[in-house]
C-alpha cells in the first residue's frame, strides 16, 4: 500500500498497520533511521560540520582542499586536466623533422646531413674541395694565409731601388738615369756631347748584379777605345765568366771585372801598361807573372772555356797565356814558330798538349783566341770562327790549390809570354759558337 499517516477519525482498526507501513519507509525494524532515509534535501544548510564526519571522510576532504585545482591555468574536467604543447610553451612532437618544424639531432648533438641548408651544404662541399694551403703555407686560426715574397718566388718590394735589389723602370720599359752604371752613363754622355752622334748604348739585365743579353751598338767609324772596351765588356759579362781581366790599368795590379773578386794580388817583373783596350805588353826575358789566388770558382772541373786576345811575338819559345798549377792543371799557350801553331795544353803529367791552331797569328795584330772543353770534346776558335776541334780530349777534372797565372804557364815555370795580352776570361761553361763570334765582333 501507499505509505501514509492514518487519517484522524478514519482508518478504524487499521491505524497500527498504516502507521507501521509509514515508519518502515525511513526506519529500520529496531527503530533506527534507515541508511537512505535522510538525503541532502532533508539536511539543513550548515547543519553538518566536519567534526560530525567520519575520519576517512575528513582526511579525504583535507587532501582535496590542498590538491591541484588547475594546471597552467587549465581547470580539470571530469577530474582530468587536458594540456597541449601550447599550454606548456612546448613544441609539439608533430614538428620533429617536419619541413617547418624542428631538427632531429644525430645522437652526438649534431644535425644530420639531410637537415643542413643547401647553402651550407654547398659551402661544406666547396670547403672540402677548396685550397687547403697556399704555396705549402697553411692558414692560421683565423683562416688567413700569410705569404712572403720568397713564398711565391717573387722579389720583395723592399728590393725595389735597393743597392743590391732591382731597378724601377721609368714607365716606358727603360732604366732611369740614376740606375745606369757609371761606365754606361759615361758612354751615353759621350754620345750626347756629340762626339758619337750615331752611337747607341743598350743594356739588358736578368737579375740583380748580373748582365744578360747585354749588347752595345756603336757607330763603328767613330768608336773610341773606351766605347770599344765597354762594348766588349758587356758582351763578356752577359755570359757570366768566373774571372775576367781587362788588363787596362794604367799602373798596379789588374782587377777582376767579373764581379767574383778574383783579382791579381801578385806581380812579378815589369810589364808595359798600355791602357784602355790596349792591354799589357810582356817580354819573355822580363819573366812577368800576374798571380791570382786559388779559388773554388777557378777550379775548372771538366767543362770550361778560356778566352784571350793575343798579339804574340814570333820567336822559338813556348809562351804561357793563362795557367793554373802543375801536374793536373790547365794552360792556354802559344808555341814557338818552330811548332807553327798556338796549342792548348790540358796537362795531367801524361796527356801533354791537346791540340793547337792550324795557323800562326804572328802578324803583329790582335787575335781573338777561345778554347772550349766539355769532356772529350774540345774546340779552338780563332778570330770568331772554328779553327780546330777534337773528340778525343782527355777527361780531366782540374781542382788544385795553385794560383792562376797570367802571362806564364805556372808560377814555377819559365814559359813566360812575350807580346801583348788583353781581355782574358775564364768560364765554368762552354761558350756556344754564336757567343764566341759575338765576342769577337764586339772586340774587333
Protein backbone atom coordinates (compact mmCIF):
# COMPACT_ATOMS: atom_id res chain seq x y z
CA UNK A 1 0.00 0.00 0.00
CA UNK A 2 0.88 3.58 -0.22
CA UNK A 3 2.72 4.72 2.83
CA UNK A 4 0.88 7.45 4.62
CA UNK A 5 -0.10 8.61 8.04
CA UNK A 6 -3.54 7.44 9.41
CA UNK A 7 -6.45 9.80 8.90
CA UNK A 8 -7.93 11.09 12.15
CA UNK A 9 -11.49 9.84 12.56
CA UNK A 10 -10.83 7.27 9.93
CA UNK A 11 -8.91 4.12 9.31
CA UNK A 12 -10.63 2.45 12.30
CA UNK A 13 -8.94 -0.79 13.05
CA UNK A 14 -6.09 -0.06 10.55
CA UNK A 15 -4.15 2.60 12.38
CA UNK A 16 -1.40 0.31 13.51
CA UNK A 17 -0.77 -1.16 10.09
CA UNK A 18 -0.89 2.19 8.31
CA UNK A 19 1.47 3.81 10.82
CA UNK A 20 3.93 0.89 10.74
CA UNK A 21 3.99 0.97 6.97
CA UNK A 22 4.69 4.69 7.07
CA UNK A 23 7.52 4.37 9.60
CA UNK A 24 9.15 1.49 7.69
CA UNK A 25 9.86 3.98 4.87
CA UNK A 26 12.66 5.62 6.85
CA UNK A 27 13.22 3.35 9.86
CA UNK A 28 14.76 0.01 10.44
CA UNK A 29 12.91 -2.64 12.39
CA UNK A 30 14.83 -1.64 15.54
CA UNK A 31 13.65 1.94 15.29
CA UNK A 32 16.86 3.40 13.81
CA UNK A 33 16.81 5.50 10.71
CA UNK A 34 17.30 3.65 7.51
CA UNK A 35 20.53 4.39 5.57
CA UNK A 36 18.70 6.06 2.77
CA UNK A 37 16.10 7.86 4.78
CA UNK A 38 17.98 11.21 5.03
CA UNK A 39 19.06 12.92 1.84
CA UNK A 40 20.54 16.28 1.01
CA UNK A 41 17.08 17.76 0.92
CA UNK A 42 16.45 16.69 4.50
CA UNK A 43 19.65 18.30 5.88
CA UNK A 44 19.60 21.99 6.55
CA UNK A 45 22.46 24.13 5.19
CA UNK A 46 25.48 24.14 7.53
CA UNK A 47 23.72 21.62 9.74
CA UNK A 48 26.62 19.11 9.32
CA UNK A 49 30.19 20.12 10.35
CA UNK A 50 33.45 18.32 9.57
CA UNK A 51 33.59 17.17 13.13
CA UNK A 52 30.44 15.19 12.51
CA UNK A 53 32.06 13.33 9.60
CA UNK A 54 33.99 10.12 9.96
CA UNK A 55 37.83 10.12 9.91
CA UNK A 56 38.27 8.84 6.30
CA UNK A 57 35.90 11.49 5.00
CA UNK A 58 37.68 14.23 6.94
CA UNK A 59 41.07 13.05 5.58
CA UNK A 60 39.77 12.98 2.01
CA UNK A 61 38.38 16.49 2.37
CA UNK A 62 41.71 17.72 3.75
CA UNK A 63 43.59 16.21 0.78
CA UNK A 64 41.10 17.65 -1.67
CA UNK A 65 41.44 21.10 -0.18
CA UNK A 66 45.28 21.01 -0.65
CA UNK A 67 45.28 19.35 -4.10
CA UNK A 68 45.97 20.93 -7.54
CA UNK A 69 42.98 22.90 -8.66
CA UNK A 70 44.35 23.98 -12.09
CA UNK A 71 47.36 23.16 -14.36
CA UNK A 72 48.85 26.09 -16.28
CA UNK A 73 45.55 27.89 -15.51
CA UNK A 74 43.59 25.00 -17.04
CA UNK A 75 40.84 23.57 -14.76
CA UNK A 76 40.02 19.88 -14.72
CA UNK A 77 37.10 18.46 -16.49
CA UNK A 78 35.68 15.32 -15.02
CA UNK A 79 38.68 15.17 -12.72
CA UNK A 80 41.15 15.34 -15.64
CA UNK A 81 43.22 18.26 -16.91
CA UNK A 82 43.96 18.08 -20.66
CA UNK A 83 47.00 20.10 -21.78
CA UNK A 84 48.50 20.86 -25.22
CA UNK A 85 52.07 21.77 -26.17
CA UNK A 86 50.98 25.37 -26.41
CA UNK A 87 49.73 25.28 -22.76
CA UNK A 88 53.24 24.45 -21.53
CA UNK A 89 55.20 26.51 -24.14
CA UNK A 90 56.46 23.33 -25.79
CA UNK A 91 56.97 22.27 -29.41
CA UNK A 92 54.59 19.54 -30.45
CA UNK A 93 56.21 16.26 -31.43
CA UNK A 94 54.50 16.55 -34.80
CA UNK A 95 57.01 19.32 -35.59
CA UNK A 96 60.04 16.99 -35.20
CA UNK A 97 61.77 16.85 -38.60
CA UNK A 98 58.75 18.46 -40.23
CA UNK A 99 59.51 20.84 -43.11
CA UNK A 100 58.76 23.86 -40.92
CA UNK A 101 59.40 22.13 -37.63
CA UNK A 102 62.49 21.36 -35.61
CA UNK A 103 65.58 19.32 -36.46
CA UNK A 104 66.31 15.84 -35.19
CA UNK A 105 69.92 15.62 -33.92
CA UNK A 106 72.03 12.57 -34.72
CA UNK A 107 72.78 11.47 -31.15
CA UNK A 108 76.01 13.48 -30.97
CA UNK A 109 74.31 16.89 -30.78
CA UNK A 110 74.83 17.41 -34.50
CA UNK A 111 72.45 17.88 -37.39
CA UNK A 112 72.06 15.05 -39.85
CA UNK A 113 73.19 15.91 -43.39
CA UNK A 114 69.63 15.94 -44.77
CA UNK A 115 68.73 18.81 -42.43
CA UNK A 116 71.66 21.06 -43.34
CA UNK A 117 70.61 24.04 -45.53
CA UNK A 118 71.61 23.75 -49.17
CA UNK A 119 73.77 26.87 -48.99
CA UNK A 120 75.65 25.46 -46.02
CA UNK A 121 75.91 22.05 -47.65
CA UNK A 122 77.29 23.63 -50.82
CA UNK A 123 79.75 25.64 -48.75
CA UNK A 124 80.91 22.47 -46.99
CA UNK A 125 81.33 20.73 -50.33
CA UNK A 126 83.33 23.67 -51.66
CA UNK A 127 85.40 23.80 -48.49
CA UNK A 128 86.24 20.11 -48.77
CA UNK A 129 87.41 20.61 -52.31
CA UNK A 130 88.93 24.06 -51.80
CA UNK A 131 92.56 25.10 -51.40
CA UNK A 132 93.91 23.90 -48.07
CA UNK A 133 97.32 25.51 -48.36
CA UNK A 134 98.86 28.27 -50.46
CA UNK A 135 102.42 27.58 -51.63
CA UNK A 136 102.58 24.93 -48.86
CA UNK A 137 101.67 27.54 -46.22
CA UNK A 138 98.68 26.63 -44.01
CA UNK A 139 96.13 29.17 -42.75
CA UNK A 140 96.25 30.46 -39.19
CA UNK A 141 93.41 30.18 -36.68
CA UNK A 142 91.50 32.91 -38.48
CA UNK A 143 91.74 31.15 -41.84
CA UNK A 144 94.29 33.58 -43.21
CA UNK A 145 97.41 32.51 -45.10
CA UNK A 146 100.31 34.91 -44.75
CA UNK A 147 102.75 34.77 -47.66
CA UNK A 148 106.09 36.46 -48.20
CA UNK A 149 107.79 37.29 -51.46
CA UNK A 150 110.01 34.23 -51.07
CA UNK A 151 106.90 32.04 -50.65
CA UNK A 152 105.83 32.85 -54.20
CA UNK A 153 109.32 33.15 -55.70
CA UNK A 154 108.89 36.90 -56.05
CA UNK A 155 111.19 39.82 -55.42
CA UNK A 156 110.20 41.73 -52.25
CA UNK A 157 109.16 45.33 -52.72
CA UNK A 158 111.94 46.32 -50.32
CA UNK A 159 114.41 45.33 -53.05
CA UNK A 160 112.97 47.93 -55.40
CA UNK A 161 115.65 50.55 -55.84
CA UNK A 162 117.90 48.97 -53.17
CA UNK A 163 121.65 48.93 -53.84
CA UNK A 164 121.63 45.17 -54.45
CA UNK A 165 117.98 44.96 -55.42
CA UNK A 166 116.07 45.53 -58.63
CA UNK A 167 115.63 48.60 -60.77
CA UNK A 168 112.43 50.60 -61.12
CA UNK A 169 111.76 51.26 -64.78
CA UNK A 170 110.59 54.69 -65.88
CA UNK A 171 107.18 53.70 -67.23
CA UNK A 172 108.43 53.14 -70.77
CA UNK A 173 110.41 49.97 -70.01
CA UNK A 174 113.73 51.79 -69.57
CA UNK A 175 116.06 52.42 -66.63
CA UNK A 176 116.16 55.84 -65.08
CA UNK A 177 119.43 57.76 -65.36
CA UNK A 178 120.30 57.13 -61.69
CA UNK A 179 120.24 53.37 -62.26
CA UNK A 180 122.58 53.22 -65.24
CA UNK A 181 126.15 52.04 -64.44
CA UNK A 182 128.76 54.77 -64.44
CA UNK A 183 130.60 53.27 -67.40
CA UNK A 184 127.42 53.15 -69.47
CA UNK A 185 126.43 56.64 -68.35
CA UNK A 186 129.83 57.88 -69.49
CA UNK A 187 129.34 56.33 -72.92
CA UNK A 188 125.89 57.87 -73.20
CA UNK A 189 127.29 61.20 -72.12
CA UNK A 190 129.92 61.00 -74.86
CA UNK A 191 127.18 60.38 -77.36
CA UNK A 192 125.06 63.24 -76.04
CA UNK A 193 128.01 65.59 -76.26
CA UNK A 194 128.09 64.98 -79.99
CA UNK A 195 131.30 63.01 -80.39
CA UNK A 196 129.46 59.88 -81.44
CA UNK A 197 126.13 61.10 -82.66
CA UNK A 198 125.17 57.83 -84.33
CA UNK A 199 126.17 55.58 -81.45
CA UNK A 200 123.65 53.96 -79.13
CA UNK A 201 124.08 52.01 -75.91
CA UNK A 202 121.53 49.44 -74.79
CA UNK A 203 121.92 47.24 -71.71
CA UNK A 204 119.67 44.39 -70.53
CA UNK A 205 119.71 42.78 -67.08
CA UNK A 206 118.17 39.49 -65.98
CA UNK A 207 118.83 39.57 -62.22
CA UNK A 208 120.30 41.95 -59.63
CA UNK A 209 124.01 42.38 -60.24
CA UNK A 210 124.12 40.29 -63.41
CA UNK A 211 124.04 41.38 -67.02
CA UNK A 212 122.24 39.22 -69.56
CA UNK A 213 121.88 39.62 -73.30
CA UNK A 214 123.88 42.81 -72.93
CA UNK A 215 124.56 44.46 -76.25
CA UNK A 216 126.20 47.70 -77.28
CA UNK A 217 125.72 49.29 -80.70
CA UNK A 218 128.30 51.92 -81.54
CA UNK A 219 128.93 53.65 -84.86
CA UNK A 220 131.99 51.62 -85.99
CA UNK A 221 133.60 54.61 -87.66
CA UNK A 222 133.50 56.69 -84.51
CA UNK A 223 134.03 54.19 -81.66
CA UNK A 224 136.75 55.26 -79.25
CA UNK A 225 138.84 52.73 -77.27
CA UNK A 226 136.63 53.44 -74.23
CA UNK A 227 133.48 52.52 -76.14
CA UNK A 228 135.10 49.53 -77.79
CA UNK A 229 136.20 48.09 -74.46
CA UNK A 230 132.81 48.82 -72.89
CA UNK A 231 131.08 47.07 -75.76
CA UNK A 232 133.29 44.01 -75.34
CA UNK A 233 132.98 44.04 -71.56
CA UNK A 234 129.18 43.99 -71.66
CA UNK A 235 129.16 41.06 -74.09
CA UNK A 236 131.53 39.03 -71.91
CA UNK A 237 129.66 39.79 -68.67
CA UNK A 238 126.40 38.61 -70.22
CA UNK A 239 127.93 35.09 -70.38
CA UNK A 240 128.87 35.18 -66.66
CA UNK A 241 132.61 34.48 -66.51
CA UNK A 242 134.21 33.32 -63.25
CA UNK A 243 137.18 35.60 -63.95
CA UNK A 244 137.65 38.50 -66.37
CA UNK A 245 140.82 40.53 -66.53
CA UNK A 246 140.74 43.52 -68.89
CA UNK A 247 144.43 44.36 -68.24
CA UNK A 248 143.54 48.00 -68.92
CA UNK A 249 145.07 49.51 -65.79
CA UNK A 250 147.46 52.42 -66.07
CA UNK A 251 149.55 51.00 -63.23
CA UNK A 252 149.29 48.48 -60.40
CA UNK A 253 147.56 45.11 -60.09
CA UNK A 254 144.87 44.14 -62.62
CA UNK A 255 141.38 43.69 -61.22
CA UNK A 256 138.75 41.03 -61.93
CA UNK A 257 135.87 42.65 -63.85
CA UNK A 258 133.58 39.61 -63.47
CA UNK A 259 132.42 40.70 -60.03
CA UNK A 260 133.70 37.46 -58.44
CA UNK A 261 136.67 39.09 -56.71
CA UNK A 262 139.39 37.04 -58.41
CA UNK A 263 141.81 39.97 -58.52
CA UNK A 264 145.52 39.80 -59.29
CA UNK A 265 147.33 40.09 -55.95
CA UNK A 266 150.92 39.50 -57.01
CA UNK A 267 153.05 40.87 -59.86
CA UNK A 268 156.49 39.59 -60.74
CA UNK A 269 158.51 41.57 -63.25
CA UNK A 270 157.59 44.77 -65.03
CA UNK A 271 155.05 44.71 -67.87
CA UNK A 272 154.20 47.71 -70.04
CA UNK A 273 150.80 49.23 -69.24
CA UNK A 274 149.10 50.35 -72.45
CA UNK A 275 145.77 51.50 -71.01
CA UNK A 276 142.16 51.06 -72.12
CA UNK A 277 141.56 48.48 -74.88
CA UNK A 278 145.31 48.08 -75.38
CA UNK A 279 146.15 45.61 -72.62
CA UNK A 280 149.70 44.96 -71.43
CA UNK A 281 152.90 44.16 -73.26
CA UNK A 282 155.21 41.47 -71.91
CA UNK A 283 158.68 40.31 -72.84
CA UNK A 284 159.70 36.71 -72.32
CA UNK A 285 163.01 37.87 -70.89
CA UNK A 286 161.15 40.06 -68.40
CA UNK A 287 159.77 36.97 -66.64
CA UNK A 288 156.48 38.70 -65.82
CA UNK A 289 153.88 36.70 -63.88
CA UNK A 290 150.48 38.00 -62.75
CA UNK A 291 149.13 35.77 -59.97
CA UNK A 292 145.52 35.32 -58.81
CA UNK A 293 144.98 33.38 -55.54
CA UNK A 294 143.41 29.94 -55.92
CA UNK A 295 139.61 29.93 -55.57
CA UNK A 296 136.89 27.31 -55.91
CA UNK A 297 135.39 29.28 -58.81
CA UNK A 298 138.68 28.87 -60.70
CA UNK A 299 138.82 25.08 -60.37
CA UNK A 300 137.53 24.09 -63.76
CA UNK A 301 136.17 20.61 -63.46
CA UNK A 302 135.99 19.21 -66.98
CA UNK A 303 133.69 21.77 -68.65
CA UNK A 304 135.11 25.20 -69.32
CA UNK A 305 136.10 27.99 -71.71
CA UNK A 306 139.28 30.08 -71.80
CA UNK A 307 139.31 33.28 -73.86
CA UNK A 308 142.04 35.82 -74.59
CA UNK A 309 143.12 38.45 -77.09
CA UNK A 310 146.77 37.95 -78.02
CA UNK A 311 149.38 39.81 -80.04
CA UNK A 312 152.27 37.32 -79.87
CA UNK A 313 155.90 37.88 -80.72
CA UNK A 314 157.16 35.34 -83.22
CA UNK A 315 160.01 33.54 -81.53
CA UNK A 316 161.02 29.94 -80.90
CA UNK A 317 159.92 29.52 -77.28
CA UNK A 318 156.61 28.33 -75.83
CA UNK A 319 154.82 31.11 -74.04
CA UNK A 320 152.10 30.74 -71.40
CA UNK A 321 148.99 32.91 -71.68
CA UNK A 322 146.90 31.52 -68.79
CA UNK A 323 147.56 28.59 -66.46
CA UNK A 324 146.70 27.10 -63.08
CA UNK A 325 149.05 24.75 -61.30
CA UNK A 326 151.29 21.95 -62.49
CA UNK A 327 150.51 18.27 -62.86
CA UNK A 328 146.70 18.15 -63.05
CA UNK A 329 146.40 21.64 -64.48
CA UNK A 330 145.33 23.70 -67.45
CA UNK A 331 147.18 26.17 -69.63
CA UNK A 332 146.49 28.31 -72.67
CA UNK A 333 149.80 28.68 -74.50
CA UNK A 334 151.40 29.92 -77.67
CA UNK A 335 154.13 27.72 -79.01
CA UNK A 336 157.24 28.88 -80.81
CA UNK A 337 157.41 29.46 -84.54
CA UNK A 338 159.04 26.07 -84.97
CA UNK A 339 155.79 24.34 -83.97
CA UNK A 340 153.84 26.67 -86.23
CA UNK A 341 150.71 26.82 -84.07
CA UNK A 342 149.12 28.07 -80.90
CA UNK A 343 148.41 24.89 -78.95
CA UNK A 344 146.19 24.50 -75.94
CA UNK A 345 147.54 22.38 -73.14
CA UNK A 346 145.43 20.49 -70.60
CA UNK A 347 148.20 18.72 -68.75
CA UNK A 348 148.00 15.92 -66.21
CA UNK A 349 151.64 14.86 -66.41
CA UNK A 350 150.86 12.29 -69.09
CA UNK A 351 148.46 13.84 -71.63
CA UNK A 352 150.52 16.81 -72.74
CA UNK A 353 149.24 19.11 -75.47
CA UNK A 354 145.66 18.50 -76.54
CA UNK A 355 145.85 20.21 -79.91
CA UNK A 356 146.54 23.59 -81.45
CA UNK A 357 145.53 26.05 -84.12
CA UNK A 358 146.32 25.41 -87.76
CA UNK A 359 147.69 28.90 -88.43
CA UNK A 360 150.14 31.20 -86.69
CA UNK A 361 148.71 34.57 -85.55
CA UNK A 362 152.06 36.31 -85.60
CA UNK A 363 151.30 39.24 -87.91
CA UNK A 364 151.58 41.86 -85.16
CA UNK A 365 147.81 42.29 -84.84
CA UNK A 366 145.40 41.40 -82.06
CA UNK A 367 143.78 37.97 -82.44
CA UNK A 368 140.82 36.53 -80.54
CA UNK A 369 141.56 33.02 -79.19
CA UNK A 370 138.90 30.82 -77.49
CA UNK A 371 139.25 27.25 -76.25
CA UNK A 372 136.16 25.31 -75.10
CA UNK A 373 136.18 21.88 -73.49
CA UNK A 374 133.40 19.52 -72.42
CA UNK A 375 134.68 16.05 -71.58
CA UNK A 376 136.32 14.58 -74.68
CA UNK A 377 135.01 17.35 -76.95
CA UNK A 378 137.21 20.41 -77.46
CA UNK A 379 137.10 23.33 -79.88
CA UNK A 380 139.63 26.05 -80.70
CA UNK A 381 138.33 29.28 -82.23
CA UNK A 382 140.45 31.98 -83.82
CA UNK A 383 139.02 35.39 -84.65
CA UNK A 384 135.41 34.26 -84.21
CA UNK A 385 135.49 31.08 -86.31
CA UNK A 386 136.22 27.44 -85.51
CA UNK A 387 139.86 26.68 -86.33
CA UNK A 388 140.30 23.16 -84.92
CA UNK A 389 138.43 20.56 -82.86
CA UNK A 390 138.76 17.10 -81.38
CA UNK A 391 136.50 14.46 -79.86
CA UNK A 392 139.30 12.67 -78.03
CA UNK A 393 140.49 15.18 -75.45
CA UNK A 394 141.37 13.76 -72.06
CA UNK A 395 138.63 13.91 -69.42
CA UNK A 396 140.37 15.77 -66.65
CA UNK A 397 138.80 17.27 -63.55
CA UNK A 398 141.03 20.16 -62.58
CA UNK A 399 140.98 21.11 -58.92
CA UNK A 400 144.13 22.36 -57.20
CA UNK A 401 145.29 24.98 -54.74
CA UNK A 402 147.80 26.63 -57.06
CA UNK A 403 147.33 30.27 -58.07
CA UNK A 404 146.04 31.17 -61.50
CA UNK A 405 148.81 32.80 -63.53
CA UNK A 406 148.59 35.24 -66.44
CA UNK A 407 151.49 35.60 -68.91
CA UNK A 408 153.08 32.36 -67.67
CA UNK A 409 152.24 28.66 -67.66
CA UNK A 410 152.64 28.48 -63.88
CA UNK A 411 154.32 30.31 -61.03
CA UNK A 412 157.24 27.85 -61.16
CA UNK A 413 157.67 27.54 -64.94
CA UNK A 414 159.78 29.76 -67.20
CA UNK A 415 157.36 29.71 -70.16
CA UNK A 416 156.85 33.46 -69.94
CA UNK A 417 154.68 35.15 -72.53
CA UNK A 418 156.14 37.64 -74.97
CA UNK A 419 153.81 40.05 -76.75
CA UNK A 420 150.51 41.76 -75.98
CA UNK A 421 147.65 40.38 -73.87
CA UNK A 422 144.24 41.81 -73.03
CA UNK A 423 140.68 40.82 -72.17
CA UNK A 424 141.42 37.41 -70.66
CA UNK A 425 138.46 35.47 -69.26
CA UNK A 426 137.55 32.07 -67.90
CA UNK A 427 134.05 30.50 -67.82
CA UNK A 428 132.86 27.35 -65.99
CA UNK A 429 130.64 26.72 -69.03
CA UNK A 430 131.09 26.14 -72.74
CA UNK A 431 130.61 29.24 -74.91
CA UNK A 432 128.44 28.46 -77.91
CA UNK A 433 129.84 29.29 -81.34
CA UNK A 434 127.46 32.23 -81.80
CA UNK A 435 128.60 33.75 -78.49
CA UNK A 436 132.25 33.31 -79.47
CA UNK A 437 131.55 35.19 -82.68
CA UNK A 438 129.59 37.90 -80.80
CA UNK A 439 132.61 38.43 -78.51
CA UNK A 440 134.92 38.69 -81.49
CA UNK A 441 132.65 41.21 -83.23
CA UNK A 442 132.36 43.28 -80.06
CA UNK A 443 136.11 43.44 -79.60
CA UNK A 444 137.09 44.00 -83.23
